Amino acid sequence: MVNSVTNLGRSGLYDWVVQRLTAVILALYTLFLLGFVIASPDLQFSQWQGLFAQTWMKVFSLAALISLCAHAWVGMWTISTDYLTKSAALRFAFQLVCAGFLFVYLVWGIDILWSV
């Protein structure tokens, strides 16, 4: 087992549960959007904007955005600990860059989502 300060004391079971839970949320979000697009063959921008103007859709989208970031973090952390174990500095730098990108995507997504 790799002991790293960046795993925050998590266990493998915790990571597994996070991956599965976030995958379910992302699948539900994707199926909902796909169903909405299929059910609206003549979809106009005003309908799309109206959907995302509703609070429940913003909350659902926020849950999907947080799930995407959590899912990606667990995946990238797993990749870095499995394949970059030779150099702790390289692994830490990789994890830092990934965390930075995910943080920026999350903040940017929240800004876009709640400014509509």
C-alpha atoms as a PDB file:
ATOM      1  CA  MET A   1       0.000   0.000   0.000  1.00  0.00           C
ATOM      2  CA  VAL A   2       1.231   3.458  -0.853  1.00  0.00           C
ATOM      3  CA  ASN A   3       1.308   5.828   2.101  1.00  0.00           C
ATOM      4  CA  SER A   4       1.044   9.345   0.844  1.00  0.00           C
ATOM      5  CA  VAL A   5       0.121  12.612   2.458  1.00  0.00           C
ATOM      6  CA  THR A   6      -2.138  13.330  -0.525  1.00  0.00           C
ATOM      7  CA  ASN A   7      -4.490  10.430   0.145  1.00  0.00           C
ATOM      8  CA  LEU A   8      -5.767  12.174   3.310  1.00  0.00           C
ATOM      9  CA  GLY A   9      -5.952   8.901   5.222  1.00  0.00           C
ATOM     10  CA  ARG A  10      -8.540   7.376   2.902  1.00  0.00           C
ATOM     11  CA  SER A  11      -8.913   3.654   2.470  1.00  0.00           C
ATOM     12  CA  GLY A  12      -9.327   1.786  -0.767  1.00  0.00           C
ATOM     13  CA  LEU A  13     -12.935   1.044   0.146  1.00  0.00           C
ATOM     14  CA  TYR A  14     -13.636   4.772   0.540  1.00  0.00           C
ATOM     15  CA  ASP A  15     -12.190   5.467  -2.923  1.00  0.00           C
ATOM     16  CA  TRP A  16     -14.200   2.587  -4.394  1.00  0.00           C
ATOM     17  CA  VAL A  17     -17.451   3.901  -2.872  1.00  0.00           C
ATOM     18  CA  VAL A  18     -16.722   7.466  -4.057  1.00  0.00           C
ATOM     19  CA  GLN A  19     -16.052   6.225  -7.602  1.00  0.00           C
ATOM     20  CA  ARG A  20     -19.271   4.188  -7.708  1.00  0.00           C
ATOM     21  CA  LEU A  21     -21.459   6.873  -6.139  1.00  0.00           C
ATOM     22  CA  THR A  22     -20.140   9.617  -8.413  1.00  0.00           C
ATOM     23  CA  ALA A  23     -20.488   7.329 -11.440  1.00  0.00           C
ATOM     24  CA  VAL A  24     -24.170   6.784 -10.593  1.00  0.00           C
ATOM     25  CA  ILE A  25     -24.784  10.526 -10.237  1.00  0.00           C
ATOM     26  CA  LEU A  26     -23.018  11.230 -13.533  1.00  0.00           C
ATOM     27  CA  ALA A  27     -24.958   8.448 -15.280  1.00  0.00           C
ATOM     28  CA  LEU A  28     -28.280   9.802 -13.989  1.00  0.00           C
ATOM     29  CA  TYR A  29     -27.365  13.324 -15.095  1.00  0.00           C
ATOM     30  CA  THR A  30     -26.309  12.108 -18.536  1.00  0.00           C
ATOM     31  CA  LEU A  31     -29.462  10.025 -18.983  1.00  0.00           C
ATOM     32  CA  PHE A  32     -31.641  12.943 -17.893  1.00  0.00           C
ATOM     33  CA  LEU A  33     -30.000  15.341 -20.357  1.00  0.00           C
ATOM     34  CA  LEU A  34     -30.135  12.750 -23.121  1.00  0.00           C
ATOM     35  CA  GLY A  35     -33.819  12.118 -22.392  1.00  0.00           C
ATOM     36  CA  PHE A  36     -34.539  15.854 -22.379  1.00  0.00           C
ATOM     37  CA  VAL A  37     -32.836  16.350 -25.743  1.00  0.00           C
ATOM     38  CA  ILE A  38     -34.583  13.322 -27.286  1.00  0.00           C
ATOM     39  CA  ALA A  39     -37.980  14.388 -25.895  1.00  0.00           C
ATOM     40  CA  SER A  40     -37.520  17.869 -27.385  1.00  0.00           C
ATOM     41  CA  PRO A  41     -36.698  17.342 -31.075  1.00  0.00           C
ATOM     42  CA  ASP A  42     -37.176  21.040 -31.871  1.00  0.00           C
ATOM     43  CA  LEU A  43     -35.203  22.241 -28.865  1.00  0.00           C
ATOM     44  CA  GLN A  44     -34.735  25.991 -28.786  1.00  0.00           C
ATOM     45  CA  PHE A  45     -32.256  27.984 -26.747  1.00  0.00           C
ATOM     46  CA  SER A  46     -35.061  29.444 -24.640  1.00  0.00           C
ATOM     47  CA  GLN A  47     -36.157  25.934 -23.577  1.00  0.00           C
ATOM     48  CA  TRP A  48     -32.580  24.976 -22.725  1.00  0.00           C
ATOM     49  CA  GLN A  49     -32.121  28.228 -20.805  1.00  0.00           C
ATOM     50  CA  GLY A  50     -35.447  27.668 -19.046  1.00  0.00           C
ATOM     51  CA  LEU A  51     -34.342  24.210 -17.930  1.00  0.00           C
ATOM     52  CA  PHE A  52     -31.102  25.496 -16.438  1.00  0.00           C
ATOM     53  CA  ALA A  53     -32.828  28.500 -14.850  1.00  0.00           C
ATOM     54  CA  GLN A  54     -34.724  26.197 -12.489  1.00  0.00           C
ATOM     55  CA  THR A  55     -33.194  25.747  -9.040  1.00  0.00           C
ATOM     56  CA  TRP A  56     -33.570  21.954  -8.999  1.00  0.00           C
ATOM     57  CA  MET A  57     -31.628  21.718 -12.279  1.00  0.00           C
ATOM     58  CA  LYS A  58     -28.890  23.973 -10.924  1.00  0.00           C
ATOM     59  CA  VAL A  59     -28.617  21.751  -7.842  1.00  0.00           C
ATOM     60  CA  PHE A  60     -28.600  18.609 -10.008  1.00  0.00           C
ATOM     61  CA  SER A  61     -25.934  20.159 -12.252  1.00  0.00           C
ATOM     62  CA  LEU A  62     -23.899  21.185  -9.206  1.00  0.00           C
ATOM     63  CA  ALA A  63     -24.087  17.619  -7.876  1.00  0.00           C
ATOM     64  CA  ALA A  64     -22.920  16.351 -11.268  1.00  0.00           C
ATOM     65  CA  LEU A  65     -20.076  18.889 -11.353  1.00  0.00           C
ATOM     66  CA  ILE A  66     -18.885  17.975  -7.863  1.00  0.00           C
ATOM     67  CA  SER A  67     -19.233  14.297  -8.749  1.00  0.00           C
ATOM     68  CA  LEU A  68     -17.161  14.796 -11.887  1.00  0.00           C
ATOM     69  CA  CYS A  69     -14.377  16.471  -9.912  1.00  0.00           C
ATOM     70  CA  ALA A  70     -14.435  13.838  -7.150  1.00  0.00           C
ATOM     71  CA  HIS A  71     -14.491  11.007  -9.701  1.00  0.00           C
ATOM     72  CA  ALA A  72     -11.592  12.528 -11.602  1.00  0.00           C
ATOM     73  CA  TRP A  73      -9.585  13.141  -8.423  1.00  0.00           C
ATOM     74  CA  VAL A  74      -9.869   9.536  -7.242  1.00  0.00           C
ATOM     75  CA  GLY A  75      -8.994   8.302 -10.719  1.00  0.00           C
ATOM     76  CA  MET A  76      -5.988  10.586 -11.153  1.00  0.00           C
ATOM     77  CA  TRP A  77      -4.791   9.872  -7.603  1.00  0.00           C
ATOM     78  CA  THR A  78      -4.985   6.142  -8.344  1.00  0.00           C
ATOM     79  CA  ILE A  79      -3.082   6.568 -11.602  1.00  0.00           C
ATOM     80  CA  SER A  80      -0.392   8.655  -9.932  1.00  0.00           C
ATOM     81  CA  THR A  81       0.112   6.213  -7.062  1.00  0.00           C
ATOM     82  CA  ASP A  82       0.114   3.189  -9.379  1.00  0.00           C
ATOM     83  CA  TYR A  83       2.370   4.536 -12.121  1.00  0.00           C
ATOM     84  CA  LEU A  84       4.396   7.390 -10.599  1.00  0.00           C
ATOM     85  CA  THR A  85       5.554   5.605  -7.445  1.00  0.00           C
ATOM     86  CA  LYS A  86       9.262   5.804  -8.297  1.00  0.00           C
ATOM     87  CA  SER A  87       9.509   9.517  -7.594  1.00  0.00           C
ATOM     88  CA  ALA A  88       7.543  11.049  -4.735  1.00  0.00           C
ATOM     89  CA  ALA A  89       8.289  14.559  -6.004  1.00  0.00           C
ATOM     90  CA  LEU A  90       6.978  13.759  -9.492  1.00  0.00           C
ATOM     91  CA  ARG A  91       3.870  12.110  -8.038  1.00  0.00           C
ATOM     92  CA  PHE A  92       3.212  15.077  -5.760  1.00  0.00           C
ATOM     93  CA  ALA A  93       3.706  17.555  -8.627  1.00  0.00           C
ATOM     94  CA  PHE A  94       1.316  15.560 -10.812  1.00  0.00           C
ATOM     95  CA  GLN A  95      -1.293  15.444  -8.030  1.00  0.00           C
ATOM     96  CA  LEU A  96      -0.860  19.154  -7.368  1.00  0.00           C
ATOM     97  CA  VAL A  97      -1.429  19.996 -11.045  1.00  0.00           C
ATOM     98  CA  CYS A  98      -4.485  17.710 -11.175  1.00  0.00           C
ATOM     99  CA  ALA A  99      -5.911  19.242  -7.997  1.00  0.00           C
ATOM    100  CA  GLY A 100      -5.300  22.730  -9.385  1.00  0.00           C
ATOM    101  CA  PHE A 101      -7.094  21.972 -12.641  1.00  0.00           C
ATOM    102  CA  LEU A 102     -10.004  20.320 -10.849  1.00  0.00           C
ATOM    103  CA  PHE A 103     -10.337  23.269  -8.481  1.00  0.00           C
ATOM    104  CA  VAL A 104     -10.355  25.730 -11.384  1.00  0.00           C
ATOM    105  CA  TYR A 105     -12.925  23.628 -13.283  1.00  0.00           C
ATOM    106  CA  LEU A 106     -15.126  23.401 -10.200  1.00  0.00           C
ATOM    107  CA  VAL A 107     -15.033  27.134  -9.453  1.00  0.00           C
ATOM    108  CA  TRP A 108     -15.498  28.026 -13.108  1.00  0.00           C
ATOM    109  CA  GLY A 109     -18.406  25.586 -13.426  1.00  0.00           C
ATOM    110  CA  ILE A 110     -20.091  26.970 -10.326  1.00  0.00           C
ATOM    111  CA  ASP A 111     -19.660  30.502 -11.664  1.00  0.00           C
ATOM    112  CA  ILE A 112     -21.203  29.542 -15.013  1.00  0.00           C
ATOM    113  CA  LEU A 113     -23.991  27.534 -13.425  1.00  0.00           C
ATOM    114  CA  TRP A 114     -25.150  30.103 -10.900  1.00  0.00           C
ATOM    115  CA  SER A 115     -24.648  33.200 -13.061  1.00  0.00           C
ATOM    116  CA  VAL A 116     -27.271  32.114 -15.602  1.00  0.00           C
END
